[in-house]
Amino acid sequence: MNSLIKIEFPKPDLVIRQREQDLKPGDVPITPYFGFIDFHKITRDKGGIFLFYNDKNELLFVGKARKIRQRIKKHFEDNVSPMKNHRDEVFKIEVYEVEDPMEREIYETYAINTFRSKYNVDKVFY
């Protein structure tokens, strides 16, 4: 059966990876946040979706938020996140700025099911 709905998944607006800071003379050291030193590059005020990958590029988790950076941080900090026992597996974070709440919902559900996210428990249809 042909699907009536064609979803074109966007390219990420930002990709950050765990990495060491390459300090040059005069640089201020950045305190890593769960191995990430580029957290400040994630938008503070925009909504969107985010994808967590491990170092083998396997999709671990897909989430959405009205404010992306705060939500991503929550997944690394709180005790109710589905990621709470898997935080050390996150090596790469893709960030997609999507302002429309319905579009966020569609992309999140699409990504969870199409790319077979490992730790999402809601919205799974496979």
C-alpha atoms as a PDB file:
ATOM      1  CA  MET A   1       0.000   0.000   0.000  1.00  0.00           C
ATOM      2  CA  ASN A   2       1.280   3.449  -0.870  1.00  0.00           C
ATOM      3  CA  SER A   3       1.452   5.934   1.940  1.00  0.00           C
ATOM      4  CA  LEU A   4      -0.557   9.093   1.396  1.00  0.00           C
ATOM      5  CA  ILE A   5       1.606  11.086   3.742  1.00  0.00           C
ATOM      6  CA  LYS A   6       5.074  11.975   2.530  1.00  0.00           C
ATOM      7  CA  ILE A   7       7.288  13.394   5.241  1.00  0.00           C
ATOM      8  CA  GLU A   8      10.593  14.922   4.311  1.00  0.00           C
ATOM      9  CA  PHE A   9      12.783  14.974   7.384  1.00  0.00           C
ATOM     10  CA  PRO A  10      14.773  18.220   7.576  1.00  0.00           C
ATOM     11  CA  LYS A  11      18.521  18.588   7.924  1.00  0.00           C
ATOM     12  CA  PRO A  12      19.610  19.395  11.493  1.00  0.00           C
ATOM     13  CA  ASP A  13      20.170  23.048  12.372  1.00  0.00           C
ATOM     14  CA  LEU A  14      22.933  22.010  14.759  1.00  0.00           C
ATOM     15  CA  VAL A  15      24.919  18.862  15.518  1.00  0.00           C
ATOM     16  CA  ILE A  16      27.105  18.649  18.598  1.00  0.00           C
ATOM     17  CA  ARG A  17      29.346  15.776  19.620  1.00  0.00           C
ATOM     18  CA  GLN A  18      31.207  14.867  22.759  1.00  0.00           C
ATOM     19  CA  ARG A  19      34.694  16.247  22.344  1.00  0.00           C
ATOM     20  CA  GLU A  20      37.659  17.641  24.211  1.00  0.00           C
ATOM     21  CA  GLN A  21      38.308  21.364  24.082  1.00  0.00           C
ATOM     22  CA  ASP A  22      41.378  22.216  22.031  1.00  0.00           C
ATOM     23  CA  LEU A  23      42.705  25.006  24.255  1.00  0.00           C
ATOM     24  CA  LYS A  24      44.754  27.721  22.618  1.00  0.00           C
ATOM     25  CA  PRO A  25      46.629  30.417  24.567  1.00  0.00           C
ATOM     26  CA  GLY A  26      44.105  32.868  26.009  1.00  0.00           C
ATOM     27  CA  ASP A  27      41.129  30.506  25.658  1.00  0.00           C
ATOM     28  CA  VAL A  28      38.821  30.113  28.626  1.00  0.00           C
ATOM     29  CA  PRO A  29      38.321  26.441  29.500  1.00  0.00           C
ATOM     30  CA  ILE A  30      34.738  25.246  29.024  1.00  0.00           C
ATOM     31  CA  THR A  31      33.448  22.887  31.681  1.00  0.00           C
ATOM     32  CA  PRO A  32      32.098  19.837  29.848  1.00  0.00           C
ATOM     33  CA  TYR A  33      28.433  19.037  30.377  1.00  0.00           C
ATOM     34  CA  PHE A  34      28.181  15.228  30.193  1.00  0.00           C
ATOM     35  CA  GLY A  35      31.132  15.340  27.801  1.00  0.00           C
ATOM     36  CA  PHE A  36      29.675  18.119  25.642  1.00  0.00           C
ATOM     37  CA  ILE A  37      31.390  21.510  25.397  1.00  0.00           C
ATOM     38  CA  ASP A  38      29.122  23.005  22.703  1.00  0.00           C
ATOM     39  CA  PHE A  39      25.888  23.112  24.721  1.00  0.00           C
ATOM     40  CA  HIS A  40      25.869  26.921  24.526  1.00  0.00           C
ATOM     41  CA  LYS A  41      25.281  26.644  20.763  1.00  0.00           C
ATOM     42  CA  ILE A  42      21.840  25.057  21.256  1.00  0.00           C
ATOM     43  CA  THR A  43      19.092  27.629  20.920  1.00  0.00           C
ATOM     44  CA  ARG A  44      17.663  28.851  24.207  1.00  0.00           C
ATOM     45  CA  ASP A  45      14.407  30.350  22.968  1.00  0.00           C
ATOM     46  CA  LYS A  46      13.273  28.229  20.036  1.00  0.00           C
ATOM     47  CA  GLY A  47      11.166  25.117  19.884  1.00  0.00           C
ATOM     48  CA  GLY A  48      12.100  21.999  18.034  1.00  0.00           C
ATOM     49  CA  ILE A  49      13.069  18.378  18.179  1.00  0.00           C
ATOM     50  CA  PHE A  50      16.303  16.682  19.139  1.00  0.00           C
ATOM     51  CA  LEU A  51      17.830  13.286  18.470  1.00  0.00           C
ATOM     52  CA  PHE A  52      20.370  11.562  20.739  1.00  0.00           C
ATOM     53  CA  TYR A  53      22.819   9.136  19.095  1.00  0.00           C
ATOM     54  CA  ASN A  54      25.513   6.862  20.487  1.00  0.00           C
ATOM     55  CA  ASP A  55      29.079   6.610  19.167  1.00  0.00           C
ATOM     56  CA  LYS A  56      27.953   3.947  16.642  1.00  0.00           C
ATOM     57  CA  ASN A  57      25.422   6.458  15.240  1.00  0.00           C
ATOM     58  CA  GLU A  58      22.471   4.432  16.544  1.00  0.00           C
ATOM     59  CA  LEU A  59      19.432   6.518  17.439  1.00  0.00           C
ATOM     60  CA  LEU A  60      18.840   6.374  21.183  1.00  0.00           C
ATOM     61  CA  PHE A  61      16.075   8.898  21.805  1.00  0.00           C
ATOM     62  CA  VAL A  62      13.901  11.506  20.097  1.00  0.00           C
ATOM     63  CA  GLY A  63      12.331  14.406  21.980  1.00  0.00           C
ATOM     64  CA  LYS A  64      10.589  17.687  21.356  1.00  0.00           C
ATOM     65  CA  ALA A  65      10.262  20.923  23.290  1.00  0.00           C
ATOM     66  CA  ARG A  66       9.104  24.527  23.219  1.00  0.00           C
ATOM     67  CA  LYS A  67      12.603  25.456  24.438  1.00  0.00           C
ATOM     68  CA  ILE A  68      15.115  22.922  23.178  1.00  0.00           C
ATOM     69  CA  ARG A  69      18.192  23.569  25.326  1.00  0.00           C
ATOM     70  CA  GLN A  70      16.304  23.381  28.635  1.00  0.00           C
ATOM     71  CA  ARG A  71      14.601  20.121  27.616  1.00  0.00           C
ATOM     72  CA  ILE A  72      17.842  18.480  26.514  1.00  0.00           C
ATOM     73  CA  LYS A  73      19.456  19.459  29.826  1.00  0.00           C
ATOM     74  CA  LYS A  74      16.499  17.934  31.698  1.00  0.00           C
ATOM     75  CA  HIS A  75      17.188  14.576  30.053  1.00  0.00           C
ATOM     76  CA  PHE A  76      20.695  14.676  31.498  1.00  0.00           C
ATOM     77  CA  GLU A  77      19.577  15.800  34.961  1.00  0.00           C
ATOM     78  CA  ASP A  78      16.194  14.499  36.076  1.00  0.00           C
ATOM     79  CA  ASN A  79      15.226  11.096  37.415  1.00  0.00           C
ATOM     80  CA  VAL A  80      12.143  10.562  35.280  1.00  0.00           C
ATOM     81  CA  SER A  81      13.744  10.799  31.835  1.00  0.00           C
ATOM     82  CA  PRO A  82      13.703   7.558  29.827  1.00  0.00           C
ATOM     83  CA  MET A  83      17.388   8.407  29.271  1.00  0.00           C
ATOM     84  CA  LYS A  84      18.282   8.416  32.987  1.00  0.00           C
ATOM     85  CA  ASN A  85      20.150   5.076  32.797  1.00  0.00           C
ATOM     86  CA  HIS A  86      21.595   5.744  29.335  1.00  0.00           C
ATOM     87  CA  ARG A  87      23.036   9.271  29.563  1.00  0.00           C
ATOM     88  CA  ASP A  88      26.599   8.034  29.247  1.00  0.00           C
ATOM     89  CA  GLU A  89      25.707   6.514  25.854  1.00  0.00           C
ATOM     90  CA  VAL A  90      24.855   9.886  24.277  1.00  0.00           C
ATOM     91  CA  PHE A  91      27.685  10.914  21.966  1.00  0.00           C
ATOM     92  CA  LYS A  92      25.929  13.105  19.394  1.00  0.00           C
ATOM     93  CA  ILE A  93      22.925  15.429  19.589  1.00  0.00           C
ATOM     94  CA  GLU A  94      21.094  16.683  16.508  1.00  0.00           C
ATOM     95  CA  VAL A  95      18.930  19.769  16.982  1.00  0.00           C
ATOM     96  CA  TYR A  96      16.128  20.782  14.618  1.00  0.00           C
ATOM     97  CA  GLU A  97      14.435  24.142  15.135  1.00  0.00           C
ATOM     98  CA  VAL A  98      10.715  23.615  14.539  1.00  0.00           C
ATOM     99  CA  GLU A  99       8.477  26.366  15.898  1.00  0.00           C
ATOM    100  CA  ASP A 100       5.073  24.888  15.011  1.00  0.00           C
ATOM    101  CA  PRO A 101       3.856  22.519  17.798  1.00  0.00           C
ATOM    102  CA  MET A 102       1.973  20.240  15.391  1.00  0.00           C
ATOM    103  CA  GLU A 103       5.012  19.922  13.128  1.00  0.00           C
ATOM    104  CA  ARG A 104       7.161  19.059  16.186  1.00  0.00           C
ATOM    105  CA  GLU A 105       4.701  16.322  17.123  1.00  0.00           C
ATOM    106  CA  ILE A 106       4.691  14.886  13.596  1.00  0.00           C
ATOM    107  CA  TYR A 107       8.484  14.957  13.206  1.00  0.00           C
ATOM    108  CA  GLU A 108       9.001  13.430  16.645  1.00  0.00           C
ATOM    109  CA  THR A 109       6.589  10.536  15.990  1.00  0.00           C
ATOM    110  CA  TYR A 110       7.993  10.065  12.478  1.00  0.00           C
ATOM    111  CA  ALA A 111      11.609   9.971  13.707  1.00  0.00           C
ATOM    112  CA  ILE A 112      10.856   7.572  16.574  1.00  0.00           C
ATOM    113  CA  ASN A 113       9.235   5.067  14.231  1.00  0.00           C
ATOM    114  CA  THR A 114      11.148   5.523  10.986  1.00  0.00           C
ATOM    115  CA  PHE A 115      14.615   5.546  12.551  1.00  0.00           C
ATOM    116  CA  ARG A 116      13.599   3.072  15.321  1.00  0.00           C
ATOM    117  CA  SER A 117      14.639   4.995  18.382  1.00  0.00           C
ATOM    118  CA  LYS A 118      15.981   2.666  21.086  1.00  0.00           C
ATOM    119  CA  TYR A 119      14.710   4.293  24.302  1.00  0.00           C
ATOM    120  CA  ASN A 120      11.478   6.042  23.341  1.00  0.00           C
ATOM    121  CA  VAL A 121       8.538   4.269  24.929  1.00  0.00           C
ATOM    122  CA  ASP A 122       5.666   6.542  23.879  1.00  0.00           C
ATOM    123  CA  LYS A 123       4.492   6.988  20.282  1.00  0.00           C
ATOM    124  CA  VAL A 124       6.076   3.715  19.145  1.00  0.00           C
ATOM    125  CA  PHE A 125       4.218   1.941  16.340  1.00  0.00           C
ATOM    126  CA  TYR A 126       6.741  -0.721  15.325  1.00  0.00           C
END
